[in-house]
Each structure stands twice: as structure tokens, then as C-alpha cells.
Amino acid sequence: MKQKKNVTFDDIAKYTNFSKTTISRYFNNPDSLTLENQEIIAKALAELNYKENKVARILANGKTEFVGIILPHLHNSYYSEMLNLILQTYEQFGYKFLVFIGNEQEEIERRYIQELLAYKIEGLIVLSHTIPSDELAKLQIPIVAIEREDQYISSVKTDNYMGGIQATSLLIKHNCDVFFHINSPTPPQIPAYGRIQGFLDICEEKHLNHRIIYKTMGNTYDGMQKGLQEILDDLDENYSGLKKGVFVSNDTHANLLLNLLFRKYGSLPEDYFIVGFDNSPISTESVIPISTVGQQMEKIAFEAVNLLVEQMNERKKRKPVPLEEPVHKVITPILFRRGTTEKS
């Protein structure tokens, strides 16, 4: 059986009575054509059953439709869920993603970025904290950060300060005797520092007995479990008999703490109230659904890709107008009350 011939620009030109140059402009710069001519060509493509040769198009215009993503790791369920939501935007925006996990190693991430640039990515989404934004800004491609230091690059992030207030206020409503916030050492320029500041401000304003527990737990299950076990031993030993309100910096750690309490007591003790942060899937899949501050991750993922696409599209114009200043979008968090605070 004779193989069907691929439809070429020459075929489309003859079918529409346009020049090959006009057909090329339809694919590479459609705004340069009238809407009427765009519709004529679009109709012809359907009638000819045209199948686009992506490789040929890349070679012709240098646009790959590839976007790079740099993640720190996937041990925290927040990152795996955010990656999932970013990948789903392909249906709306049509960009494909090349994903690298740097494991918070600076030189490895630099090597990955160079590899992404070799693939001619049109933009980059960065969730890792390793490389400072001033260095990223020098890459001369559109970049959007998610929940990381962002002085020199555009970003999308949660209002972490409001989230810290929401989480602590929920614990206050349950009349806890002492309040804790568990977090890793976090510099003020990192958005997540707002969770710490929100916790501190409301505790100090209301003169509450409170304590911040800084703990570097690493990115392995064993390391996180060991660190949280040490914290739990500390709380049980030094705050016995007190109703403890524990605000944990993310749902992954909140879930691990909950598991450790179940292993020790067989249930969530009456003197423990726990609130996480993220509203990642693990918060509802845990042995008891975890009260948490939701980051509206689906909205963050969409806004990050949309912001990046706007910048990439601007670059494709004949006379692009680059951003004078980075754009920073802040998303309002939503509090979810569940079983770790709303006890029957």
C-alpha cells in the first residue's frame, strides 16, 4: 500500500493560492496576517489533514516550545504536587517541560541549567532555593520563581505571613496552653519566613507561651523521621500535661509527626493539636486528615506558567518590550480545618 505523502508548505500554498512566505508567516508570526487569511489557512490545514513537523518548525524559527523546571527534590509532597499541576498546564498553553531535580546542590543545578539552555528552552520555572535570583536573572531568558527568593526575577508565591496568622489563630481558638512552630532555619528573604513571622507576631501580640523549634531534617525519610522524633521527645518530656498547639511548616512533616504520635500512643493524644501548611494531598490521605493552610497550588501553578508565557510571547514580537521590573504575584491562602484540630 502506498504511503501517504506528508503535506508541505508548498501544498498548502497551492491549495490556498497564497505564497509559501505567507504560509510560513502563519506558523511563525500569525499576527502579521489578517484574521480572514488566518481562517482561510486554518481551514485548508484541516481539509488537507496537515500534520505539523515539530522538528522542522524548531529548525525554522528556533522556538522549541520547551520550558525548563528546576526542583530541589521530591521528598516533600508539596513539590511533587506542584510539578504535577505545572505539567497539566500543557493542555492550556501547549508548552512541554524538561524537569531536573538538583537535590539542593549548587554546582549540579548550574550544570542542569546549562543543559536546559542547550535544549533551547524558551523559559524557566525555578522552585529550588539554591542559586540566587541575581545569578538567574543573568541567563537572559524569561524566568518565574515559585516560593523562593525572588528579588531579581518574577515570581508567584503564597501570602505566607497571612498563612502563619491563620494557622496560629486556629490553635488559639482551641485554647492551647503552649504554642510551637516547627521549621527549618529560614532566612528572611525566603517567602516561607513569613510563616515564622506570622506565628511570632500573633503570639507576642497576645502574650502567649510560645516557642519556635528550628530543625534541619534533610531530604530523606529517615532524616525527617529522626528529627521529628527528637522534637516529639522534647515536647513530651518538657511540656507534659499542657495542651500543645503545634504549627508545622509543611504537610509532609505534619504527617510524619502525626504518624509518630500514633506509633507511640495509638491515637492522637488529647493534648496535641496540629496544623500543617500546603494542603498537599498527603494532608487528606493521612491517618487523620490534617488541618492545614492551603496554598491554592493549582492557582499558583497556573499563574506561574501564565506569567512565564506572557514573557515568552513578548519576546516573539517584532519589537519586544522587556519587563522593567520583576512581577511578583501573591496568592491568598485558605485555612482547612480537619481532624487534627477539630476533635469530636
Protein backbone atom coordinates (compact mmCIF):
# COMPACT_ATOMS: atom_id res chain seq x y z
CA MET A 1 0.00 0.00 0.00
CA LYS A 2 1.41 3.36 -1.00
CA GLN A 3 2.40 5.57 1.92
CA LYS A 4 0.55 8.90 2.11
CA LYS A 5 2.70 11.91 1.27
CA ASN A 6 3.24 14.47 4.02
CA VAL A 7 1.56 17.80 3.31
CA THR A 8 4.16 20.54 2.75
CA PHE A 9 4.07 24.34 2.83
CA ASP A 10 4.14 24.19 -0.97
CA ASP A 11 0.96 22.06 -0.96
CA ILE A 12 -0.78 24.49 1.38
CA ALA A 13 0.30 27.47 -0.75
CA LYS A 14 -1.13 25.91 -3.93
CA TYR A 15 -4.35 24.96 -2.14
CA THR A 16 -4.95 28.48 -0.78
CA ASN A 17 -3.36 30.48 -3.63
CA PHE A 18 -1.10 32.15 -1.06
CA SER A 19 2.67 32.31 -1.30
CA LYS A 20 4.90 29.97 0.70
CA THR A 21 6.11 33.06 2.57
CA THR A 22 2.54 33.79 3.69
CA ILE A 23 2.11 30.18 4.87
CA SER A 24 5.39 30.43 6.80
CA ARG A 25 4.19 33.65 8.44
CA TYR A 26 1.00 31.87 9.54
CA PHE A 27 3.09 29.42 11.58
CA ASN A 28 5.83 31.73 12.79
CA ASN A 29 4.16 35.16 13.07
CA PRO A 30 0.37 34.77 12.67
CA ASP A 31 -0.34 38.28 13.95
CA SER A 32 1.21 39.63 10.75
CA LEU A 33 -1.74 38.20 8.77
CA THR A 34 -5.32 39.36 8.73
CA LEU A 35 -7.83 37.28 10.65
CA GLU A 36 -9.54 36.42 7.35
CA ASN A 37 -6.33 34.99 5.88
CA GLN A 38 -5.57 33.12 9.11
CA GLU A 39 -9.00 31.49 8.91
CA ILE A 40 -8.50 30.52 5.25
CA ILE A 41 -5.19 28.83 6.04
CA ALA A 42 -6.55 27.13 9.18
CA LYS A 43 -9.45 25.70 7.14
CA ALA A 44 -7.01 24.46 4.47
CA LEU A 45 -4.87 22.71 7.09
CA ALA A 46 -7.91 20.82 8.32
CA GLU A 47 -9.05 19.89 4.81
CA LEU A 48 -5.56 18.71 3.82
CA ASN A 49 -5.17 16.80 7.11
CA TYR A 50 -1.90 18.63 7.74
CA LYS A 51 0.38 17.12 10.40
CA GLU A 52 2.90 19.60 11.71
CA ASN A 53 6.56 18.59 11.65
CA LYS A 54 7.72 19.90 15.03
CA VAL A 55 11.41 19.30 14.32
CA ALA A 56 11.23 21.24 11.06
CA ARG A 57 9.45 24.10 12.79
CA ILE A 58 12.09 24.26 15.52
CA LEU A 59 14.85 24.36 12.91
CA ALA A 60 12.99 27.07 11.02
CA ASN A 61 12.21 29.52 13.81
CA GLY A 62 14.38 28.40 16.73
CA LYS A 63 11.35 28.15 19.04
CA THR A 64 11.27 24.80 20.82
CA GLU A 65 8.16 25.27 22.99
CA PHE A 66 10.26 23.76 25.80
CA VAL A 67 10.21 25.16 29.35
CA GLY A 68 12.71 24.05 31.98
CA ILE A 69 11.82 23.27 35.59
CA ILE A 70 14.34 23.07 38.44
CA LEU A 71 13.10 21.36 41.62
CA PRO A 72 15.06 20.95 44.86
CA HIS A 73 13.74 17.39 45.50
CA LEU A 74 10.52 15.39 45.59
CA HIS A 75 10.64 14.18 49.22
CA ASN A 76 8.24 16.93 50.24
CA SER A 77 4.81 16.18 48.77
CA TYR A 78 4.38 19.90 48.01
CA TYR A 79 6.96 19.69 45.22
CA SER A 80 5.55 16.55 43.63
CA GLU A 81 2.04 18.02 43.62
CA MET A 82 3.24 21.37 42.26
CA LEU A 83 5.14 19.59 39.49
CA ASN A 84 2.02 17.59 38.62
CA LEU A 85 -0.05 20.78 38.38
CA ILE A 86 2.53 22.59 36.24
CA LEU A 87 2.71 19.67 33.81
CA GLN A 88 -1.07 19.74 33.46
CA THR A 89 -0.92 23.28 32.01
CA TYR A 90 0.26 21.78 28.71
CA GLU A 91 -3.37 21.40 27.69
CA GLN A 92 -3.91 25.14 28.01
CA PHE A 93 -0.59 26.66 26.99
CA GLY A 94 0.99 23.99 24.76
CA TYR A 95 4.47 24.14 26.30
CA LYS A 96 6.42 20.96 27.09
CA PHE A 97 8.58 20.67 30.18
CA LEU A 98 12.09 19.40 30.82
CA VAL A 99 12.46 18.66 34.55
CA PHE A 100 15.64 18.43 36.62
CA ILE A 101 15.99 17.75 40.36
CA GLY A 102 19.05 19.40 41.84
CA ASN A 103 18.90 17.96 45.38
CA GLU A 104 19.93 21.42 46.59
CA GLN A 105 23.44 21.05 45.17
CA GLU A 106 24.54 24.32 43.64
CA GLU A 107 27.00 23.09 41.03
CA ILE A 108 24.70 20.30 39.90
CA GLU A 109 21.89 22.79 39.38
CA ARG A 110 24.18 25.08 37.38
CA ARG A 111 25.10 22.13 35.16
CA TYR A 112 21.44 21.25 34.68
CA ILE A 113 20.60 24.83 33.72
CA GLN A 114 23.35 24.80 31.10
CA GLU A 115 21.92 21.57 29.71
CA LEU A 116 18.45 23.11 29.59
CA LEU A 117 19.84 26.12 27.72
CA ALA A 118 21.49 23.73 25.24
CA TYR A 119 18.00 22.37 24.54
CA LYS A 120 16.97 25.95 23.66
CA ILE A 121 14.33 26.27 26.37
CA GLU A 122 12.20 29.37 25.96
CA GLY A 123 11.69 29.90 29.70
CA LEU A 124 12.49 28.51 33.14
CA ILE A 125 10.46 27.82 36.29
CA VAL A 126 12.54 27.55 39.45
CA LEU A 127 11.35 26.12 42.76
CA SER A 128 14.80 25.36 44.15
CA HIS A 129 16.38 27.87 46.56
CA THR A 130 20.00 27.06 45.74
CA ILE A 131 21.01 29.61 43.10
CA PRO A 132 20.39 33.30 43.97
CA SER A 133 17.98 35.27 41.80
CA ASP A 134 20.59 37.80 40.65
CA GLU A 135 22.53 34.94 39.03
CA LEU A 136 19.39 33.50 37.45
CA ALA A 137 18.43 36.91 36.04
CA LYS A 138 21.66 36.95 34.02
CA LEU A 139 20.56 33.93 31.98
CA GLN A 140 18.68 36.27 29.63
CA ILE A 141 15.58 34.08 29.32
CA PRO A 142 12.17 34.57 30.97
CA ILE A 143 12.20 33.08 34.48
CA VAL A 144 9.48 32.67 37.09
CA ALA A 145 10.16 31.54 40.65
CA ILE A 146 7.71 29.72 42.89
CA GLU A 147 8.03 30.18 46.67
CA ARG A 148 11.69 31.20 46.72
CA GLU A 149 13.91 34.28 46.94
CA ASP A 150 12.86 36.49 44.02
CA GLN A 151 14.44 39.93 44.19
CA TYR A 152 15.64 39.93 40.58
CA ILE A 153 13.18 37.56 38.87
CA SER A 154 9.40 37.36 38.58
CA SER A 155 7.58 35.08 40.98
CA VAL A 156 4.38 33.60 42.30
CA LYS A 157 4.04 32.85 46.00
CA THR A 158 1.58 32.42 48.82
CA ASP A 159 0.96 35.14 51.40
CA ASN A 160 2.93 33.12 53.93
CA TYR A 161 2.58 35.73 56.66
CA MET A 162 -1.20 35.55 56.46
CA GLY A 163 -0.90 31.75 56.49
CA GLY A 164 1.16 31.88 59.68
CA ILE A 165 -1.52 34.05 61.29
CA GLN A 166 -4.29 31.69 60.15
CA ALA A 167 -2.58 28.56 61.47
CA THR A 168 -1.74 30.09 64.85
CA SER A 169 -5.18 31.66 65.24
CA LEU A 170 -6.80 28.25 64.77
CA LEU A 171 -4.66 26.80 67.56
CA ILE A 172 -5.54 29.80 69.77
CA LYS A 173 -9.25 29.08 69.28
CA HIS A 174 -8.66 25.65 70.81
CA ASN A 175 -7.25 27.23 73.99
CA CYS A 176 -3.84 25.61 73.82
CA ASP A 177 -1.52 26.27 76.75
CA VAL A 178 1.70 26.49 74.75
CA PHE A 179 2.30 27.11 71.04
CA PHE A 180 5.06 25.71 68.84
CA HIS A 181 6.19 26.35 65.29
CA ILE A 182 8.44 23.72 63.69
CA ASN A 183 10.53 24.92 60.76
CA SER A 184 13.99 24.65 59.24
CA PRO A 185 16.36 27.61 59.68
CA THR A 186 14.94 30.08 57.13
CA PRO A 187 16.46 33.41 56.06
CA PRO A 188 14.08 36.40 55.87
CA GLN A 189 14.31 36.71 52.07
CA ILE A 190 12.71 33.27 51.62
CA PRO A 191 8.89 33.59 51.32
CA ALA A 192 8.31 30.77 53.84
CA TYR A 193 9.89 33.01 56.50
CA GLY A 194 6.51 34.75 56.59
CA ARG A 195 5.10 31.65 58.34
CA ILE A 196 7.61 32.17 61.14
CA GLN A 197 6.96 35.91 61.38
CA GLY A 198 3.18 35.46 61.39
CA PHE A 199 3.44 32.92 64.20
CA LEU A 200 5.76 35.16 66.22
CA ASP A 201 3.73 38.34 65.79
CA ILE A 202 0.40 36.93 66.89
CA CYS A 203 1.96 35.05 69.83
CA GLU A 204 3.75 38.16 71.05
CA GLU A 205 0.71 40.37 70.48
CA LYS A 206 -1.45 38.08 72.61
CA HIS A 207 1.34 37.33 75.14
CA LEU A 208 1.15 33.59 74.53
CA ASN A 209 3.59 30.99 75.80
CA HIS A 210 5.35 30.07 72.56
CA ARG A 211 8.49 28.60 71.08
CA ILE A 212 9.98 28.24 67.61
CA ILE A 213 11.77 24.93 67.04
CA TYR A 214 14.32 25.15 64.25
CA LYS A 215 15.40 21.78 62.92
CA THR A 216 17.34 20.85 59.78
CA MET A 217 15.90 17.47 58.82
CA GLY A 218 17.33 16.85 55.37
CA ASN A 219 15.50 15.38 52.41
CA THR A 220 15.31 11.70 53.31
CA TYR A 221 12.51 9.92 55.12
CA ASP A 222 14.89 8.60 57.78
CA GLY A 223 16.35 12.07 58.40
CA MET A 224 12.95 13.73 58.70
CA GLN A 225 11.64 10.98 60.97
CA LYS A 226 14.70 11.19 63.23
CA GLY A 227 14.43 14.98 63.54
CA LEU A 228 10.71 14.90 64.33
CA GLN A 229 11.17 12.08 66.83
CA GLU A 230 13.69 14.25 68.69
CA ILE A 231 11.19 17.13 68.70
CA LEU A 232 8.39 14.86 69.95
CA ASP A 233 10.58 13.53 72.76
CA ASP A 234 11.35 17.12 73.76
CA LEU A 235 7.66 18.13 73.81
CA ASP A 236 6.58 15.06 75.79
CA GLU A 237 9.34 15.50 78.34
CA ASN A 238 9.19 19.27 78.88
CA TYR A 239 5.51 20.08 78.30
CA SER A 240 3.74 17.11 79.83
CA GLY A 241 0.16 17.88 80.93
CA LEU A 242 -0.07 21.04 78.79
CA LYS A 243 -2.31 21.37 75.77
CA LYS A 244 0.15 21.77 72.90
CA GLY A 245 -0.67 23.66 69.69
CA VAL A 246 1.85 22.66 67.01
CA PHE A 247 2.10 24.59 63.74
CA VAL A 248 4.30 22.58 61.36
CA SER A 249 5.88 24.29 58.34
CA ASN A 250 4.62 21.74 55.78
CA ASP A 251 2.17 18.86 55.47
CA THR A 252 4.87 16.24 54.91
CA HIS A 253 6.41 16.94 58.32
CA ALA A 254 2.98 17.30 59.92
CA ASN A 255 2.04 13.86 58.63
CA LEU A 256 5.27 12.33 59.93
CA LEU A 257 4.70 13.90 63.36
CA LEU A 258 1.17 12.53 63.39
CA ASN A 259 2.45 9.06 62.50
CA LEU A 260 4.98 9.17 65.34
CA LEU A 261 2.25 10.13 67.80
CA PHE A 262 0.11 7.21 66.61
CA ARG A 263 3.01 4.79 66.96
CA LYS A 264 3.62 5.94 70.50
CA TYR A 265 0.05 6.39 71.76
CA GLY A 266 -2.15 4.54 69.29
CA SER A 267 -4.10 7.72 68.55
CA LEU A 268 -3.73 11.49 68.50
CA PRO A 269 -3.44 12.46 72.19
CA GLU A 270 -5.98 14.94 73.55
CA ASP A 271 -3.19 17.38 74.44
CA TYR A 272 -1.89 17.69 70.88
CA PHE A 273 -3.39 19.96 68.20
CA ILE A 274 -1.60 20.04 64.83
CA VAL A 275 -1.79 22.39 61.84
CA GLY A 276 0.30 21.89 58.69
CA PHE A 277 0.92 24.05 55.64
CA ASP A 278 0.39 23.46 51.88
CA ASN A 279 -2.86 21.46 51.61
CA SER A 280 -0.92 18.90 49.57
CA PRO A 281 -2.68 15.53 49.00
CA ILE A 282 -0.94 13.96 51.99
CA SER A 283 -2.92 16.23 54.33
CA THR A 284 -6.16 14.42 53.45
CA GLU A 285 -4.62 10.96 52.97
CA SER A 286 -3.05 10.77 56.45
CA VAL A 287 -4.37 8.56 59.24
CA ILE A 288 -6.35 11.59 60.47
CA PRO A 289 -6.96 14.38 57.96
CA ILE A 290 -4.62 17.23 58.88
CA SER A 291 -5.77 20.80 59.46
CA THR A 292 -3.64 22.92 57.16
CA VAL A 293 -3.12 26.27 55.47
CA GLY A 294 -3.87 25.73 51.80
CA GLN A 295 -1.57 27.36 49.29
CA GLN A 296 -4.05 27.16 46.38
CA MET A 297 -1.40 25.21 44.48
CA GLU A 298 -3.47 24.83 41.33
CA LYS A 299 -3.78 28.62 41.11
CA ILE A 300 -0.07 29.11 41.82
CA ALA A 301 0.90 26.64 39.08
CA PHE A 302 -1.40 28.31 36.55
CA GLU A 303 -0.27 31.85 37.44
CA ALA A 304 3.41 30.83 37.24
CA VAL A 305 3.08 29.30 33.77
CA ASN A 306 0.80 32.11 32.58
CA LEU A 307 3.28 34.75 33.76
CA LEU A 308 6.11 32.90 32.01
CA VAL A 309 4.12 32.51 28.77
CA GLU A 310 3.35 36.25 28.75
CA GLN A 311 7.07 36.99 28.90
CA MET A 312 7.93 34.38 26.25
CA ASN A 313 5.23 35.69 23.91
CA GLU A 314 6.52 39.23 24.33
CA ARG A 315 9.94 38.08 23.15
CA LYS A 316 8.43 36.73 19.93
CA LYS A 317 7.15 40.15 18.86
CA ARG A 318 8.99 42.22 16.27
CA LYS A 319 9.67 44.90 18.85
CA PRO A 320 9.54 43.20 22.26
CA VAL A 321 9.22 45.32 25.38
CA PRO A 322 11.07 43.62 28.25
CA LEU A 323 9.87 43.93 31.83
CA GLU A 324 11.31 46.95 33.59
CA GLU A 325 10.87 45.27 36.97
CA PRO A 326 10.11 41.68 38.01
CA VAL A 327 6.44 40.87 38.52
CA HIS A 328 5.51 39.34 41.88
CA LYS A 329 2.10 37.72 42.32
CA VAL A 330 0.92 36.86 45.83
CA ILE A 331 -1.84 34.29 46.32
CA THR A 332 -4.12 34.32 49.37
CA PRO A 333 -4.01 31.12 51.48
CA ILE A 334 -7.11 29.24 52.64
CA LEU A 335 -7.40 27.55 56.04
CA PHE A 336 -8.71 23.97 56.13
CA ARG A 337 -10.00 22.72 59.50
CA ARG A 338 -9.73 18.94 59.82
CA GLY A 339 -9.30 16.15 62.33
CA THR A 340 -6.01 17.21 63.95
CA THR A 341 -7.72 20.24 65.49
CA GLU A 342 -11.48 19.61 65.13
CA LYS A 343 -11.70 16.73 67.58
CA SER A 344 -15.11 15.22 68.37
